[in-house]
C-alpha atoms as a PDB file:
ATOM      1  CA  MET A   1      14.279 -27.352  14.191  1.00  0.00           C
ATOM      2  CA  LYS A   2      17.557 -26.174  15.724  1.00  0.00           C
ATOM      3  CA  LYS A   3      18.181 -23.958  12.683  1.00  0.00           C
ATOM      4  CA  ARG A   4      14.724 -22.439  13.029  1.00  0.00           C
ATOM      5  CA  ASN A   5      15.238 -21.722  16.713  1.00  0.00           C
ATOM      6  CA  LEU A   6      18.601 -20.112  15.953  1.00  0.00           C
ATOM      7  CA  VAL A   7      17.002 -17.809  13.390  1.00  0.00           C
ATOM      8  CA  LEU A   8      14.279 -16.812  15.865  1.00  0.00           C
ATOM      9  CA  ALA A   9      16.861 -16.142  18.549  1.00  0.00           C
ATOM     10  CA  CYS A  10      18.877 -13.916  16.192  1.00  0.00           C
ATOM     11  CA  CYS A  11      15.730 -12.010  15.240  1.00  0.00           C
ATOM     12  CA  MET A  12      14.846 -11.458  18.896  1.00  0.00           C
ATOM     13  CA  ILE A  13      18.366 -10.201  19.662  1.00  0.00           C
ATOM     14  CA  ALA A  14      18.256  -7.808  16.684  1.00  0.00           C
ATOM     15  CA  PHE A  15      14.825  -6.581  17.751  1.00  0.00           C
ATOM     16  CA  THR A  16      15.998  -6.005  21.315  1.00  0.00           C
ATOM     17  CA  PHE A  17      19.020  -3.982  20.212  1.00  0.00           C
ATOM     18  CA  ALA A  18      16.921  -1.996  17.704  1.00  0.00           C
ATOM     19  CA  CYS A  19      14.382  -1.084  20.366  1.00  0.00           C
ATOM     20  CA  GLY A  20      17.087  -0.325  22.867  1.00  0.00           C
ATOM     21  CA  ARG A  21      18.438   2.468  20.718  1.00  0.00           C
ATOM     22  CA  GLU A  22      15.278   4.541  21.250  1.00  0.00           C
ATOM     23  CA  SER A  23      15.248   6.699  24.366  1.00  0.00           C
ATOM     24  CA  PRO A  24      12.070   6.465  26.499  1.00  0.00           C
ATOM     25  CA  LEU A  25       9.552   9.189  25.770  1.00  0.00           C
ATOM     26  CA  ASP A  26       9.247  11.642  28.661  1.00  0.00           C
ATOM     27  CA  MET A  27       5.556  12.535  28.461  1.00  0.00           C
ATOM     28  CA  GLU A  28       5.745  15.150  31.232  1.00  0.00           C
ATOM     29  CA  SER A  29       8.441  16.979  29.310  1.00  0.00           C
ATOM     30  CA  VAL A  30       6.471  16.807  26.065  1.00  0.00           C
ATOM     31  CA  LEU A  31       3.224  18.024  27.650  1.00  0.00           C
ATOM     32  CA  SER A  32       4.978  20.895  29.407  1.00  0.00           C
ATOM     33  CA  GLU A  33       6.204  22.358  26.113  1.00  0.00           C
ATOM     34  CA  PRO A  34       4.188  24.883  24.046  1.00  0.00           C
ATOM     35  CA  ARG A  35       1.619  23.284  21.730  1.00  0.00           C
ATOM     36  CA  THR A  36       3.674  23.129  18.589  1.00  0.00           C
ATOM     37  CA  HIS A  37       4.352  20.439  16.031  1.00  0.00           C
ATOM     38  CA  VAL A  38       6.570  17.890  17.770  1.00  0.00           C
ATOM     39  CA  GLY A  39       7.729  16.100  14.626  1.00  0.00           C
ATOM     40  CA  SER A  40       7.514  12.565  13.306  1.00  0.00           C
ATOM     41  CA  ASP A  41      10.245  11.221  15.599  1.00  0.00           C
ATOM     42  CA  THR A  42       7.982  11.891  18.585  1.00  0.00           C
ATOM     43  CA  CYS A  43       4.836  10.564  16.901  1.00  0.00           C
ATOM     44  CA  LYS A  44       6.485   7.248  16.045  1.00  0.00           C
ATOM     45  CA  MET A  45       7.029   6.433  19.725  1.00  0.00           C
ATOM     46  CA  CYS A  46       3.314   5.596  20.032  1.00  0.00           C
ATOM     47  CA  HIS A  47       2.402   5.041  16.371  1.00  0.00           C
ATOM     48  CA  LEU A  48       5.352   3.070  14.990  1.00  0.00           C
ATOM     49  CA  GLU A  49       3.267   1.049  12.520  1.00  0.00           C
ATOM     50  CA  HIS A  50       1.799   4.181  10.961  1.00  0.00           C
ATOM     51  CA  TYR A  51       5.165   5.911  11.021  1.00  0.00           C
ATOM     52  CA  ASP A  52       6.846   3.040   9.157  1.00  0.00           C
ATOM     53  CA  SER A  53       4.072   2.987   6.563  1.00  0.00           C
ATOM     54  CA  TRP A  54       4.270   6.775   6.103  1.00  0.00           C
ATOM     55  CA  LYS A  55       8.058   6.726   5.928  1.00  0.00           C
ATOM     56  CA  MET A  56       7.936   4.415   2.907  1.00  0.00           C
ATOM     57  CA  THR A  57       5.823   6.866   0.916  1.00  0.00           C
ATOM     58  CA  GLN A  58       6.656  10.101  -0.872  1.00  0.00           C
ATOM     59  CA  HIS A  59       4.601  11.967   1.745  1.00  0.00           C
ATOM     60  CA  SER A  60       7.480  11.736   4.195  1.00  0.00           C
ATOM     61  CA  ARG A  61       9.717  13.556   1.731  1.00  0.00           C
ATOM     62  CA  MET A  62       7.226  16.078   0.379  1.00  0.00           C
ATOM     63  CA  ILE A  63       8.436  18.984   2.530  1.00  0.00           C
ATOM     64  CA  GLN A  64      12.092  18.900   3.534  1.00  0.00           C
ATOM     65  CA  ASP A  65      14.250  21.309   5.498  1.00  0.00           C
ATOM     66  CA  ALA A  66      16.942  22.637   3.161  1.00  0.00           C
ATOM     67  CA  ARG A  67      18.741  24.418   5.992  1.00  0.00           C
ATOM     68  CA  ARG A  68      19.396  21.190   7.836  1.00  0.00           C
ATOM     69  CA  ASN A  69      20.347  19.248   4.738  1.00  0.00           C
ATOM     70  CA  ARG A  70      21.249  20.956   1.454  1.00  0.00           C
ATOM     71  CA  ASP A  71      21.221  17.559  -0.287  1.00  0.00           C
ATOM     72  CA  VAL A  72      17.413  17.672  -0.415  1.00  0.00           C
ATOM     73  CA  ILE A  73      17.804  20.209  -3.247  1.00  0.00           C
ATOM     74  CA  VAL A  74      17.877  17.872  -6.233  1.00  0.00           C
ATOM     75  CA  THR A  75      19.724  20.137  -8.654  1.00  0.00           C
ATOM     76  CA  GLU A  76      22.190  22.991  -8.744  1.00  0.00           C
ATOM     77  CA  ILE A  77      20.668  26.416  -8.113  1.00  0.00           C
ATOM     78  CA  ASP A  78      22.346  28.181 -11.020  1.00  0.00           C
ATOM     79  CA  GLY A  79      20.750  31.585 -11.586  1.00  0.00           C
ATOM     80  CA  GLU A  80      22.043  31.930 -15.148  1.00  0.00           C
ATOM     81  CA  LYS A  81      20.808  28.465 -16.150  1.00  0.00           C
ATOM     82  CA  ILE A  82      17.403  29.159 -14.569  1.00  0.00           C
ATOM     83  CA  ARG A  83      16.994  32.422 -16.485  1.00  0.00           C
ATOM     84  CA  ARG A  84      18.049  30.796 -19.766  1.00  0.00           C
ATOM     85  CA  ASP A  85      15.307  28.203 -19.336  1.00  0.00           C
ATOM     86  CA  LEU A  86      12.757  30.847 -18.387  1.00  0.00           C
ATOM     87  CA  ALA A  87      13.706  32.940 -21.420  1.00  0.00           C
ATOM     88  CA  LYS A  88      12.657  30.021 -23.640  1.00  0.00           C
ATOM     89  CA  LEU A  89       9.145  30.428 -22.226  1.00  0.00           C
ATOM     90  CA  GLU A  90       9.074  34.211 -22.718  1.00  0.00           C
ATOM     91  CA  ALA A  91       5.935  34.191 -24.865  1.00  0.00           C
ATOM     92  CA  LYS A  92       3.960  32.431 -22.134  1.00  0.00           C
ATOM     93  CA  LEU A  93       5.279  34.340 -19.144  1.00  0.00           C
ATOM     94  CA  LYS A  94       3.209  36.950 -17.331  1.00  0.00           C
ATOM     95  CA  VAL A  95       6.396  38.614 -16.096  1.00  0.00           C
ATOM     96  CA  PRO A  96       9.523  39.133 -18.256  1.00  0.00           C
ATOM     97  CA  SER A  97      12.035  36.394 -17.581  1.00  0.00           C
ATOM     98  CA  ASP A  98      14.715  38.826 -16.449  1.00  0.00           C
ATOM     99  CA  ARG A  99      12.389  40.220 -13.765  1.00  0.00           C
ATOM    100  CA  ILE A 100      11.270  36.920 -12.248  1.00  0.00           C
ATOM    101  CA  TYR A 101      12.530  36.428  -8.719  1.00  0.00           C
ATOM    102  CA  VAL A 102      15.139  33.648  -8.624  1.00  0.00           C
ATOM    103  CA  PRO A 103      16.223  32.735  -5.077  1.00  0.00           C
ATOM    104  CA  GLY A 104      19.811  31.991  -4.178  1.00  0.00           C
ATOM    105  CA  ILE A 105      20.550  28.706  -2.476  1.00  0.00           C
ATOM    106  CA  ASP A 106      20.936  30.446   0.886  1.00  0.00           C
ATOM    107  CA  GLU A 107      17.404  31.843   0.574  1.00  0.00           C
ATOM    108  CA  ILE A 108      15.795  28.424   0.163  1.00  0.00           C
ATOM    109  CA  LEU A 109      14.354  27.270   3.481  1.00  0.00           C
ATOM    110  CA  TYR A 110      12.384  24.211   2.397  1.00  0.00           C
ATOM    111  CA  THR A 111      11.876  22.087  -0.696  1.00  0.00           C
ATOM    112  CA  ILE A 112       8.560  20.780  -2.011  1.00  0.00           C
ATOM    113  CA  GLY A 113       8.697  17.499  -3.932  1.00  0.00           C
ATOM    114  CA  SER A 114      11.568  15.206  -4.775  1.00  0.00           C
ATOM    115  CA  GLN A 115      10.510  12.857  -7.553  1.00  0.00           C
ATOM    116  CA  TRP A 116       8.810  14.602 -10.489  1.00  0.00           C
ATOM    117  CA  LYS A 117       9.261  18.285  -9.763  1.00  0.00           C
ATOM    118  CA  GLN A 118      10.620  20.488  -7.035  1.00  0.00           C
ATOM    119  CA  ARG A 119       9.599  23.916  -5.764  1.00  0.00           C
ATOM    120  CA  TYR A 120      11.267  26.077  -3.143  1.00  0.00           C
ATOM    121  CA  ILE A 121       9.905  27.843  -0.070  1.00  0.00           C
ATOM    122  CA  VAL A 122      11.471  31.173   0.827  1.00  0.00           C
ATOM    123  CA  GLN A 123      10.708  33.883   3.339  1.00  0.00           C
ATOM    124  CA  LYS A 124       9.741  37.473   2.619  1.00  0.00           C
ATOM    125  CA  GLU A 125       9.086  39.944   5.429  1.00  0.00           C
ATOM    126  CA  GLY A 126       8.534  37.119   7.888  1.00  0.00           C
ATOM    127  CA  THR A 127       6.068  35.212   5.680  1.00  0.00           C
ATOM    128  CA  LEU A 128       6.725  31.966   3.804  1.00  0.00           C
ATOM    129  CA  TYR A 129       6.067  31.804   0.056  1.00  0.00           C
ATOM    130  CA  ILE A 130       6.710  29.369  -2.778  1.00  0.00           C
ATOM    131  CA  SER A 131       9.249  31.022  -5.052  1.00  0.00           C
ATOM    132  CA  PRO A 132       8.168  31.472  -8.711  1.00  0.00           C
ATOM    133  CA  ILE A 133      10.450  28.809 -10.184  1.00  0.00           C
ATOM    134  CA  GLN A 134      10.035  25.051 -10.539  1.00  0.00           C
ATOM    135  CA  TYR A 135      12.505  22.363 -11.565  1.00  0.00           C
ATOM    136  CA  ASN A 136      11.112  19.513 -13.676  1.00  0.00           C
ATOM    137  CA  MET A 137      13.270  16.455 -13.080  1.00  0.00           C
ATOM    138  CA  GLU A 138      12.432  14.296 -16.088  1.00  0.00           C
ATOM    139  CA  THR A 139      13.246  17.049 -18.580  1.00  0.00           C
ATOM    140  CA  HIS A 140      15.919  18.740 -16.417  1.00  0.00           C
ATOM    141  CA  ARG A 141      14.506  22.184 -17.068  1.00  0.00           C
ATOM    142  CA  TRP A 142      13.289  25.172 -15.111  1.00  0.00           C
ATOM    143  CA  VAL A 143       9.785  26.547 -15.593  1.00  0.00           C
ATOM    144  CA  ASN A 144       7.734  29.369 -14.099  1.00  0.00           C
ATOM    145  CA  TYR A 145       5.302  29.023 -11.187  1.00  0.00           C
ATOM    146  CA  HIS A 146       2.922  31.912 -10.379  1.00  0.00           C
ATOM    147  CA  GLU A 147       5.613  34.362 -11.417  1.00  0.00           C
ATOM    148  CA  GLN A 148       3.105  37.248 -11.430  1.00  0.00           C
ATOM    149  CA  ASP A 149       1.682  36.816  -7.915  1.00  0.00           C
ATOM    150  CA  TRP A 150       3.917  34.416  -5.994  1.00  0.00           C
ATOM    151  CA  ASP A 151       4.388  36.903  -3.159  1.00  0.00           C
ATOM    152  CA  LYS A 152       0.619  37.320  -2.810  1.00  0.00           C
ATOM    153  CA  ARG A 153       0.135  33.632  -2.081  1.00  0.00           C
ATOM    154  CA  PRO A 154       1.375  32.865   1.467  1.00  0.00           C
ATOM    155  CA  TRP A 155       2.336  29.222   1.827  1.00  0.00           C
ATOM    156  CA  LEU A 156       0.444  28.814   5.098  1.00  0.00           C
ATOM    157  CA  LEU A 157      -2.808  30.104   3.594  1.00  0.00           C
ATOM    158  CA  LYS A 158      -2.643  28.448   0.168  1.00  0.00           C
ATOM    159  CA  CYS A 159      -1.139  25.031   0.846  1.00  0.00           C
ATOM    160  CA  ALA A 160      -0.037  24.443   4.407  1.00  0.00           C
ATOM    161  CA  LYS A 161      -3.532  24.525   5.897  1.00  0.00           C
ATOM    162  CA  CYS A 162      -3.876  20.952   4.629  1.00  0.00           C
ATOM    163  CA  HIS A 163      -0.285  19.977   3.812  1.00  0.00           C
ATOM    164  CA  GLU A 164       1.214  21.187   7.061  1.00  0.00           C
ATOM    165  CA  MET A 165       4.947  21.727   7.137  1.00  0.00           C
ATOM    166  CA  VAL A 166       6.825  19.279   9.319  1.00  0.00           C
ATOM    167  CA  ASN A 167       8.453  21.905  11.488  1.00  0.00           C
ATOM    168  CA  ARG A 168       7.607  24.234  14.334  1.00  0.00           C
ATOM    169  CA  ASN A 169       7.341  27.427  12.275  1.00  0.00           C
ATOM    170  CA  GLY A 170       3.855  26.650  11.038  1.00  0.00           C
ATOM    171  CA  ALA A 171       2.485  26.728  14.563  1.00  0.00           C
ATOM    172  CA  HIS A 172       3.284  30.424  14.956  1.00  0.00           C
ATOM    173  CA  SER A 173       1.565  31.643  11.807  1.00  0.00           C
ATOM    174  CA  ILE A 174      -1.100  28.609  11.302  1.00  0.00           C
ATOM    175  CA  HIS A 175      -4.376  28.969  10.970  1.00  0.00           C
ATOM    176  CA  SER A 176      -5.994  26.864  13.672  1.00  0.00           C
ATOM    177  CA  PHE A 177      -6.768  23.959  11.363  1.00  0.00           C
ATOM    178  CA  ALA A 178      -3.355  23.972   9.684  1.00  0.00           C
ATOM    179  CA  ASN A 179      -2.520  20.499  10.933  1.00  0.00           C
ATOM    180  CA  CYS A 180      -3.338  16.879  10.198  1.00  0.00           C
ATOM    181  CA  VAL A 181      -5.590  16.249  13.199  1.00  0.00           C
ATOM    182  CA  GLY A 182      -7.730  19.285  12.449  1.00  0.00           C
ATOM    183  CA  CYS A 183      -9.304  17.568   9.438  1.00  0.00           C
ATOM    184  CA  HIS A 184      -8.554  13.881   9.975  1.00  0.00           C
ATOM    185  CA  MET A 185      -9.066  13.608  13.730  1.00  0.00           C
ATOM    186  CA  PRO A 186     -11.710  16.185  14.737  1.00  0.00           C
ATOM    187  CA  ARG A 187     -13.088  16.316  18.272  1.00  0.00           C
ATOM    188  CA  ILE A 188     -16.141  14.154  17.676  1.00  0.00           C
ATOM    189  CA  ALA A 189     -15.361  11.210  19.962  1.00  0.00           C
ATOM    190  CA  LYS A 190     -16.322  10.701  23.601  1.00  0.00           C
ATOM    191  CA  SER A 191     -14.367   9.982  26.748  1.00  0.00           C
ATOM    192  CA  ALA A 192     -16.501  11.663  29.392  1.00  0.00           C
ATOM    193  CA  GLU A 193     -18.638  13.863  27.167  1.00  0.00           C
ATOM    194  CA  ILE A 194     -19.226  13.835  23.413  1.00  0.00           C
ATOM    195  CA  GLY A 195     -16.580  15.855  21.624  1.00  0.00           C
ATOM    196  CA  ASP A 196     -14.019  15.935  24.436  1.00  0.00           C
ATOM    197  CA  ILE A 197     -11.423  13.822  22.607  1.00  0.00           C
ATOM    198  CA  ARG A 198     -10.309  13.402  19.006  1.00  0.00           C
ATOM    199  CA  SER A 199     -11.560  10.635  16.757  1.00  0.00           C
ATOM    200  CA  HIS A 200      -9.007   7.931  15.942  1.00  0.00           C
ATOM    201  CA  THR A 201     -11.111   6.273  13.242  1.00  0.00           C
ATOM    202  CA  PHE A 202     -10.391   8.829  10.492  1.00  0.00           C
ATOM    203  CA  VAL A 203     -14.136   8.892   9.741  1.00  0.00           C
ATOM    204  CA  ALA A 204     -15.689  12.311   9.262  1.00  0.00           C
ATOM    205  CA  LEU A 205     -19.144  12.998  10.656  1.00  0.00           C
ATOM    206  CA  LEU A 206     -21.178  15.212   8.335  1.00  0.00           C
ATOM    207  CA  PRO A 207     -23.523  18.065   9.272  1.00  0.00           C
ATOM    208  CA  ARG A 208     -26.490  15.775   8.575  1.00  0.00           C
ATOM    209  CA  GLU A 209     -25.518  13.765  11.664  1.00  0.00           C
ATOM    210  CA  THR A 210     -25.912  16.843  13.867  1.00  0.00           C
ATOM    211  CA  ILE A 211     -29.127  17.849  12.084  1.00  0.00           C
ATOM    212  CA  ALA A 212     -30.599  14.462  12.983  1.00  0.00           C
ATOM    213  CA  ASP A 213     -29.268  14.514  16.558  1.00  0.00           C
ATOM    214  CA  LYS A 214     -28.167  17.804  18.128  1.00  0.00           C
ATOM    215  CA  THR A 215     -25.992  15.959  20.677  1.00  0.00           C
ATOM    216  CA  ILE A 216     -23.716  14.568  17.956  1.00  0.00           C
ATOM    217  CA  PRO A 217     -20.893  16.908  16.844  1.00  0.00           C
ATOM    218  CA  ASN A 218     -19.665  16.938  13.253  1.00  0.00           C
ATOM    219  CA  SER A 219     -16.287  17.415  11.612  1.00  0.00           C
ATOM    220  CA  CYS A 220     -17.188  20.675   9.863  1.00  0.00           C
ATOM    221  CA  THR A 221     -18.256  22.760  12.847  1.00  0.00           C
ATOM    222  CA  SER A 222     -15.317  21.561  14.950  1.00  0.00           C
ATOM    223  CA  CYS A 223     -13.328  24.082  12.854  1.00  0.00           C
ATOM    224  CA  HIS A 224     -13.825  27.661  14.028  1.00  0.00           C
ATOM    225  CA  LYS A 225     -14.179  28.869  10.433  1.00  0.00           C
ATOM    226  CA  HIS A 226     -17.469  26.962  10.072  1.00  0.00           C
ATOM    227  CA  ARG A 227     -18.533  26.899  13.714  1.00  0.00           C
ATOM    228  CA  ASP A 228     -21.513  29.240  13.257  1.00  0.00           C
ATOM    229  CA  VAL A 229     -22.466  28.359   9.682  1.00  0.00           C
ATOM    230  CA  ASP A 230     -25.960  26.980   9.138  1.00  0.00           C
ATOM    231  CA  LEU A 231     -25.760  23.166   9.147  1.00  0.00           C
ATOM    232  CA  ASN A 232     -28.103  22.804   6.173  1.00  0.00           C
ATOM    233  CA  LYS A 233     -25.886  25.095   4.097  1.00  0.00           C
ATOM    234  CA  LEU A 234     -22.781  23.133   5.111  1.00  0.00           C
ATOM    235  CA  GLN A 235     -24.424  19.838   4.158  1.00  0.00           C
ATOM    236  CA  ALA A 236     -25.642  21.271   0.850  1.00  0.00           C
ATOM    237  CA  ALA A 237     -22.132  22.507   0.073  1.00  0.00           C
ATOM    238  CA  TYR A 238     -20.684  19.089   0.906  1.00  0.00           C
ATOM    239  CA  ASP A 239     -23.254  17.318  -1.289  1.00  0.00           C
ATOM    240  CA  GLN A 240     -22.469  19.656  -4.167  1.00  0.00           C
ATOM    241  CA  LEU A 241     -18.713  19.212  -3.867  1.00  0.00           C
ATOM    242  CA  THR A 242     -18.919  15.412  -3.693  1.00  0.00           C
ATOM    243  CA  GLN A 243     -21.494  14.933  -6.436  1.00  0.00           C
ATOM    244  CA  ARG A 244     -20.195  12.874  -9.303  1.00  0.00           C
ATOM    245  CA  PRO A 245     -20.730  14.420 -12.734  1.00  0.00           C
ATOM    246  CA  LYS A 246     -23.049  12.596 -15.072  1.00  0.00           C
ATOM    247  CA  PRO A 247     -21.230  10.604 -17.766  1.00  0.00           C
ATOM    248  CA  THR A 248     -21.319  12.062 -21.270  1.00  0.00           C
ATOM    249  CA  GLY A 249     -20.848  10.535 -24.711  1.00  0.00           C
ATOM    250  CA  HIS A 250     -21.926   7.056 -25.750  1.00  0.00           C
ATOM    251  CA  VAL A 251     -20.888   3.477 -25.147  1.00  0.00           C
ATOM    252  CA  MET A 252     -18.259   2.274 -27.637  1.00  0.00           C
ATOM    253  CA  ALA A 253     -19.021  -0.839 -29.617  1.00  0.00           C
ATOM    254  CA  PRO A 254     -16.681  -3.818 -29.140  1.00  0.00           C
ATOM    255  CA  VAL A 255     -13.687  -3.894 -31.492  1.00  0.00           C
ATOM    256  CA  SER A 256     -12.815  -7.080 -33.357  1.00  0.00           C
ATOM    257  CA  TYR A 257      -9.154  -7.972 -33.752  1.00  0.00           C
ATOM    258  CA  GLU A 258      -9.776 -10.642 -36.383  1.00  0.00           C
END
């Protein structure tokens, strides 16, 4: 019993010191700042359980700031090596290997991925793009990625509207639903009036809910892009996108191992 109590006391002391390292969150200061992405370190102050769970997944390392930490780049950015690998794919390339844009390490602002493959976000004329090269970690080789139109595919329009970058830059370019809460926590809950606060259940309400009861908002029309779209068309589009294809082929007969 004494040993058990000693262990509990040690755990409580460790917990106290661990919590004591965090500075109190000044909500007035946070709310007075412009509405930009505040970062995971701020979110964890109120949502520590979710933060810890997220931190243990690859999601927390999907987009990383290469300017703050060059170690997030998993391999050497060797222009000659990259072009040698690309030259091996010459027959499949839509742009000659010697004309493909290869960024220097100082041009790489962010990395995408850290386990199977890695891509690199660069900036061109004030807009973020994914550069047209990709490093495959298992085979240790460089391959092409949209080499013919990479600079026609802005990161914020193609990817970041769902996979928002964990930094403040996205808030100045954004699209209004280029954030997590836009899709996962739409304004469909009620504090004083329906729709005045965000849902914390991560349950989307479909257009059919509003069709049945005009006082109930839905997740689709909370986004300005679909605000004025006919609800029946939105529901039909949702039904079509989520319809499971009919199985094809035939049932295989059991196989005997005797």
